[in-house]
Amino acid sequence: MRTWLLIDAGNTRIKWALADSAGDAWLAQGAAMHADAADLAVQWSAAFATAQPARVLAANVAGAAVRTRLEQMLAATAPGVAVEWFASSAQRAGLVNGYRNPTQLGCDRFAAAIGARTLVPGCPVIVANCGTATTVDAIDAAGRFIGGMILPGLGLMASSLARNTAQLPQIQPGTLLPSPFGDNTDDAILAGCLSAQAGAIGRAYAGHGAVECLLSGGAAPYIAPLLAQTPGLVLRHVDNIVMKGLHAVVRAEG
């Protein structure tokens, strides 16, 4: 049995998991904010003591400096282990990339779509990944990535509104509101941002004729209650959908 280290370096956090080509559960997992990335070396050293990875598959949307830092830590904790930097391509792991320029698609979106295709095979599905940015993507029944939407994430929406509008406070999204109509400024901002997120996802779902919406990302728990009120929308919360996709790749390719 081969063990793989999977890495999802997003805009805010770096997540990782040890997985094998057979089981669904992670052998070990962890995460760190970019400011605390040095902690990853400690986490990996502990995990690799019992399960040394044979290979590494990493998706990185955080830039070249993060890639270099990860390479340095991997060289120290898993010397000699081959590292593949996951990139979007025309086709992989049963998913056809329908982007006009397949390589332009963000590698995290491509991995999330592969994960969604694996979880809901043979059906049209929407995958919404709600992090620093919110991406809403469509996969058809034949396993083709159709395209999608990119919009500011929940926190980014709220902070942008506060920063660019006079006398509006900075708020921290997270409160579940009983009504879509806030009776104070803070709640009104949050209600608007939540409704914008849920509205975009709901519109994509209806327009695609999807049978299920897979919701992932740090803001997913805040957006899910609104989506659950959308008539006809079947919702599933999936942790780490990008990691699910990377795991699907290593399982498909051995």
Protein backbone atom coordinates (compact mmCIF):
# COMPACT_ATOMS: atom_id res chain seq x y z
CA MET A 1 0.00 0.00 0.00
CA ARG A 2 1.39 3.39 -1.05
CA THR A 3 0.97 6.45 1.13
CA TRP A 4 0.58 9.91 -0.36
CA LEU A 5 0.90 13.33 1.21
CA LEU A 6 -1.81 15.63 -0.15
CA ILE A 7 -1.45 19.41 0.26
CA ASP A 8 -3.97 22.16 -0.39
CA ALA A 9 -2.27 25.55 -0.13
CA GLY A 10 -5.11 28.07 -0.26
CA ASN A 11 -5.14 31.83 0.10
CA THR A 12 -5.49 31.73 3.88
CA ARG A 13 -4.46 28.29 5.15
CA ILE A 14 -2.35 25.31 4.13
CA LYS A 15 -4.09 21.99 4.72
CA TRP A 16 -2.62 18.53 4.38
CA ALA A 17 -3.53 14.88 4.75
CA LEU A 18 -1.82 11.52 4.56
CA ALA A 19 -3.83 9.08 2.47
CA ASP A 20 -3.45 5.71 0.81
CA SER A 21 -4.77 4.46 -2.50
CA ALA A 22 -7.34 2.16 -0.90
CA GLY A 23 -9.19 3.71 2.03
CA ASP A 24 -11.36 6.83 2.23
CA ALA A 25 -10.21 8.04 5.66
CA TRP A 26 -7.10 10.14 6.23
CA LEU A 27 -4.23 8.43 8.04
CA ALA A 28 -3.29 11.82 9.49
CA GLN A 29 -4.15 15.43 8.75
CA GLY A 30 -3.43 18.99 9.83
CA ALA A 31 -3.39 22.64 8.82
CA ALA A 32 -1.66 25.94 9.47
CA MET A 33 -2.23 29.58 8.66
CA HIS A 34 0.33 31.04 6.28
CA ALA A 35 1.89 33.04 9.11
CA ASP A 36 2.42 29.78 11.01
CA ALA A 37 3.58 27.67 8.07
CA ALA A 38 6.70 26.59 9.98
CA ASP A 39 4.38 24.51 12.16
CA LEU A 40 3.82 22.20 9.18
CA ALA A 41 7.33 20.80 9.47
CA VAL A 42 6.60 19.81 13.07
CA GLN A 43 3.27 18.25 12.10
CA TRP A 44 4.83 16.33 9.21
CA SER A 45 7.75 15.05 11.27
CA ALA A 46 5.30 13.54 13.76
CA ALA A 47 3.06 12.04 11.06
CA PHE A 48 5.91 10.66 8.95
CA ALA A 49 7.31 8.76 11.95
CA THR A 50 4.57 6.18 11.43
CA ALA A 51 3.71 6.62 7.74
CA GLN A 52 6.38 7.96 5.39
CA PRO A 53 4.82 9.21 2.13
CA ALA A 54 5.93 7.68 -1.15
CA ARG A 55 4.88 10.77 -3.11
CA VAL A 56 3.42 14.25 -2.64
CA LEU A 57 0.56 15.80 -4.62
CA ALA A 58 0.13 19.50 -3.87
CA ALA A 59 -2.32 22.13 -5.10
CA ASN A 60 -1.08 25.68 -4.55
CA VAL A 61 -2.94 28.91 -5.33
CA ALA A 62 -0.96 30.99 -2.85
CA GLY A 63 1.96 31.92 -5.11
CA ALA A 64 5.58 31.09 -5.80
CA ALA A 65 6.92 32.05 -2.38
CA VAL A 66 4.60 29.57 -0.65
CA ARG A 67 5.59 26.86 -3.13
CA THR A 68 9.28 27.46 -2.43
CA ARG A 69 8.72 27.34 1.32
CA LEU A 70 6.78 24.11 1.07
CA GLU A 71 9.49 22.56 -1.09
CA GLN A 72 12.10 23.48 1.51
CA MET A 73 10.09 21.95 4.37
CA LEU A 74 9.36 18.81 2.35
CA ALA A 75 13.05 18.42 1.50
CA ALA A 76 13.83 18.55 5.23
CA THR A 77 11.03 16.25 6.46
CA ALA A 78 10.68 13.83 3.53
CA PRO A 79 14.02 13.89 1.69
CA GLY A 80 14.00 12.26 -1.72
CA VAL A 81 10.21 12.05 -1.98
CA ALA A 82 8.87 13.12 -5.38
CA VAL A 83 6.60 16.17 -5.37
CA GLU A 84 3.99 16.83 -8.08
CA TRP A 85 2.45 20.29 -8.20
CA PHE A 86 -1.10 19.66 -9.29
CA ALA A 87 -2.18 21.74 -12.28
CA SER A 88 -5.29 21.95 -14.40
CA SER A 89 -5.21 19.98 -17.64
CA ALA A 90 -7.62 18.99 -20.40
CA GLN A 91 -8.63 15.81 -18.60
CA ARG A 92 -7.73 13.94 -15.43
CA ALA A 93 -9.22 11.31 -13.13
CA GLY A 94 -12.37 10.97 -15.22
CA LEU A 95 -13.13 14.71 -15.47
CA VAL A 96 -13.01 16.61 -18.77
CA ASN A 97 -12.04 20.26 -18.40
CA GLY A 98 -14.38 22.39 -20.52
CA TYR A 99 -12.64 25.69 -19.80
CA ARG A 100 -11.83 27.61 -23.00
CA ASN A 101 -8.17 27.42 -21.95
CA PRO A 102 -7.97 24.36 -19.64
CA THR A 103 -4.68 25.40 -18.05
CA GLN A 104 -6.18 28.75 -16.97
CA LEU A 105 -8.59 27.07 -14.58
CA GLY A 106 -7.39 27.37 -10.97
CA CYS A 107 -5.92 24.10 -9.78
CA ASP A 108 -8.06 24.23 -6.63
CA ARG A 109 -11.25 24.51 -8.70
CA PHE A 110 -10.13 21.63 -10.94
CA ALA A 111 -9.38 19.45 -7.91
CA ALA A 112 -12.71 20.37 -6.27
CA ALA A 113 -14.55 19.46 -9.47
CA ILE A 114 -12.80 16.08 -9.57
CA GLY A 115 -13.84 15.54 -5.96
CA ALA A 116 -17.44 16.49 -6.76
CA ARG A 117 -17.51 14.16 -9.77
CA THR A 118 -16.29 11.33 -7.55
CA LEU A 119 -18.92 11.99 -4.88
CA VAL A 120 -21.83 12.43 -7.31
CA PRO A 121 -20.97 10.31 -10.37
CA GLY A 122 -23.13 10.37 -13.47
CA CYS A 123 -25.22 13.39 -12.40
CA PRO A 124 -25.12 17.16 -12.91
CA VAL A 125 -23.72 18.72 -9.76
CA ILE A 126 -22.74 22.13 -8.41
CA VAL A 127 -19.70 22.50 -6.16
CA ALA A 128 -19.37 25.70 -4.12
CA ASN A 129 -16.11 26.30 -2.28
CA CYS A 130 -16.54 29.21 0.15
CA GLY A 131 -13.19 30.51 1.34
CA THR A 132 -11.35 33.79 0.79
CA ALA A 133 -13.08 33.74 -2.58
CA THR A 134 -16.26 31.82 -3.31
CA THR A 135 -16.19 29.65 -6.42
CA VAL A 136 -19.34 28.05 -7.79
CA ASP A 137 -18.72 25.48 -10.51
CA ALA A 138 -20.83 23.13 -12.62
CA ILE A 139 -20.08 19.54 -13.65
CA ASP A 140 -22.46 17.76 -16.03
CA ALA A 141 -23.68 14.16 -15.99
CA ALA A 142 -21.02 13.09 -18.50
CA GLY A 143 -18.21 14.27 -16.24
CA ARG A 144 -17.42 17.55 -17.97
CA PHE A 145 -16.47 20.70 -16.09
CA ILE A 146 -18.72 23.32 -17.69
CA GLY A 147 -17.46 26.49 -16.01
CA GLY A 148 -18.44 28.58 -13.06
CA MET A 149 -18.50 31.78 -11.06
CA ILE A 150 -15.93 33.53 -8.89
CA LEU A 151 -17.03 36.11 -6.34
CA PRO A 152 -15.58 37.63 -3.18
CA GLY A 153 -15.88 35.35 -0.18
CA LEU A 154 -18.15 36.14 2.74
CA GLY A 155 -15.44 37.76 4.87
CA LEU A 156 -14.03 39.68 1.91
CA MET A 157 -17.46 41.04 1.00
CA ALA A 158 -18.05 42.32 4.52
CA SER A 159 -14.59 43.83 4.95
CA SER A 160 -14.70 45.52 1.53
CA LEU A 161 -18.05 47.11 2.34
CA ALA A 162 -16.82 48.34 5.70
CA ARG A 163 -13.57 49.68 4.25
CA ASN A 164 -15.11 51.53 1.33
CA THR A 165 -18.30 52.90 2.85
CA ALA A 166 -18.19 55.78 5.32
CA GLN A 167 -19.15 55.02 8.94
CA LEU A 168 -19.95 51.34 8.37
CA PRO A 169 -18.34 49.06 10.97
CA GLN A 170 -16.02 46.15 10.32
CA ILE A 171 -17.87 42.96 11.21
CA GLN A 172 -16.88 39.35 11.53
CA PRO A 173 -19.25 37.06 9.62
CA GLY A 174 -20.46 34.14 11.66
CA THR A 175 -23.78 35.04 13.22
CA LEU A 176 -26.75 33.05 11.96
CA LEU A 177 -29.55 35.55 11.44
CA PRO A 178 -33.24 34.71 12.06
CA SER A 179 -34.34 37.05 9.24
CA PRO A 180 -32.92 38.23 5.89
CA PHE A 181 -33.63 41.79 7.05
CA GLY A 182 -31.21 43.14 9.64
CA ASP A 183 -32.64 45.65 12.11
CA ASN A 184 -29.21 47.17 12.77
CA THR A 185 -26.29 48.07 10.52
CA ASP A 186 -24.04 45.14 11.43
CA ASP A 187 -26.80 42.59 10.83
CA ALA A 188 -27.91 44.34 7.64
CA ILE A 189 -24.38 44.03 6.21
CA LEU A 190 -24.16 40.39 7.21
CA ALA A 191 -27.64 39.64 5.85
CA GLY A 192 -26.74 41.22 2.52
CA CYS A 193 -23.45 39.35 2.22
CA LEU A 194 -24.99 36.00 3.18
CA SER A 195 -27.87 36.53 0.76
CA ALA A 196 -25.46 37.41 -2.06
CA GLN A 197 -23.49 34.21 -1.48
CA ALA A 198 -26.54 31.98 -1.20
CA GLY A 199 -28.22 33.72 -4.15
CA ALA A 200 -25.28 33.09 -6.48
CA ILE A 201 -25.09 29.43 -5.48
CA GLY A 202 -28.85 28.96 -5.78
CA ARG A 203 -28.92 30.60 -9.21
CA ALA A 204 -26.13 28.30 -10.42
CA TYR A 205 -27.96 25.26 -9.06
CA ALA A 206 -31.23 26.15 -10.76
CA GLY A 207 -29.57 27.12 -14.04
CA HIS A 208 -27.59 23.90 -14.24
CA GLY A 209 -30.42 21.55 -13.30
CA ALA A 210 -28.17 19.99 -10.67
CA VAL A 211 -29.26 17.07 -8.49
CA GLU A 212 -27.02 18.13 -5.59
CA CYS A 213 -24.95 21.05 -4.34
CA LEU A 214 -21.70 20.24 -2.56
CA LEU A 215 -20.70 23.03 -0.18
CA SER A 216 -17.18 23.35 1.23
CA GLY A 217 -14.82 25.94 2.70
CA GLY A 218 -14.53 27.88 5.93
CA ALA A 219 -17.65 29.99 5.34
CA ALA A 220 -19.82 27.00 4.42
CA PRO A 221 -21.46 26.65 7.88
CA TYR A 222 -22.67 30.26 7.68
CA ILE A 223 -24.07 29.99 4.15
CA ALA A 224 -25.60 26.52 4.50
CA PRO A 225 -28.67 27.59 6.57
CA LEU A 226 -29.76 30.01 3.84
CA LEU A 227 -29.22 27.44 1.09
CA ALA A 228 -31.23 24.90 3.09
CA GLN A 229 -34.22 27.24 2.71
CA THR A 230 -33.94 27.21 -1.11
CA PRO A 231 -36.84 25.17 -2.54
CA GLY A 232 -35.71 22.04 -4.35
CA LEU A 233 -32.01 22.45 -3.55
CA VAL A 234 -30.33 19.29 -2.24
CA LEU A 235 -27.34 20.31 -0.11
CA ARG A 236 -24.37 18.37 1.22
CA HIS A 237 -21.58 19.88 3.33
CA VAL A 238 -18.22 18.34 2.35
CA ASP A 239 -15.09 19.20 4.30
CA ASN A 240 -11.94 19.82 2.23
CA ILE A 241 -13.42 19.21 -1.24
CA VAL A 242 -10.06 20.11 -2.84
CA MET A 243 -8.37 17.40 -0.79
CA LYS A 244 -11.10 14.96 -1.81
CA GLY A 245 -10.25 15.70 -5.41
CA LEU A 246 -6.52 15.21 -4.91
CA HIS A 247 -7.26 11.90 -3.20
CA ALA A 248 -9.43 10.86 -6.14
CA VAL A 249 -6.51 11.57 -8.46
CA VAL A 250 -4.05 9.37 -6.57
CA ARG A 251 -6.65 6.59 -6.26
CA ALA A 252 -7.36 6.72 -10.00
CA GLU A 253 -3.70 6.72 -10.99
CA GLY A 254 -2.23 4.48 -8.28
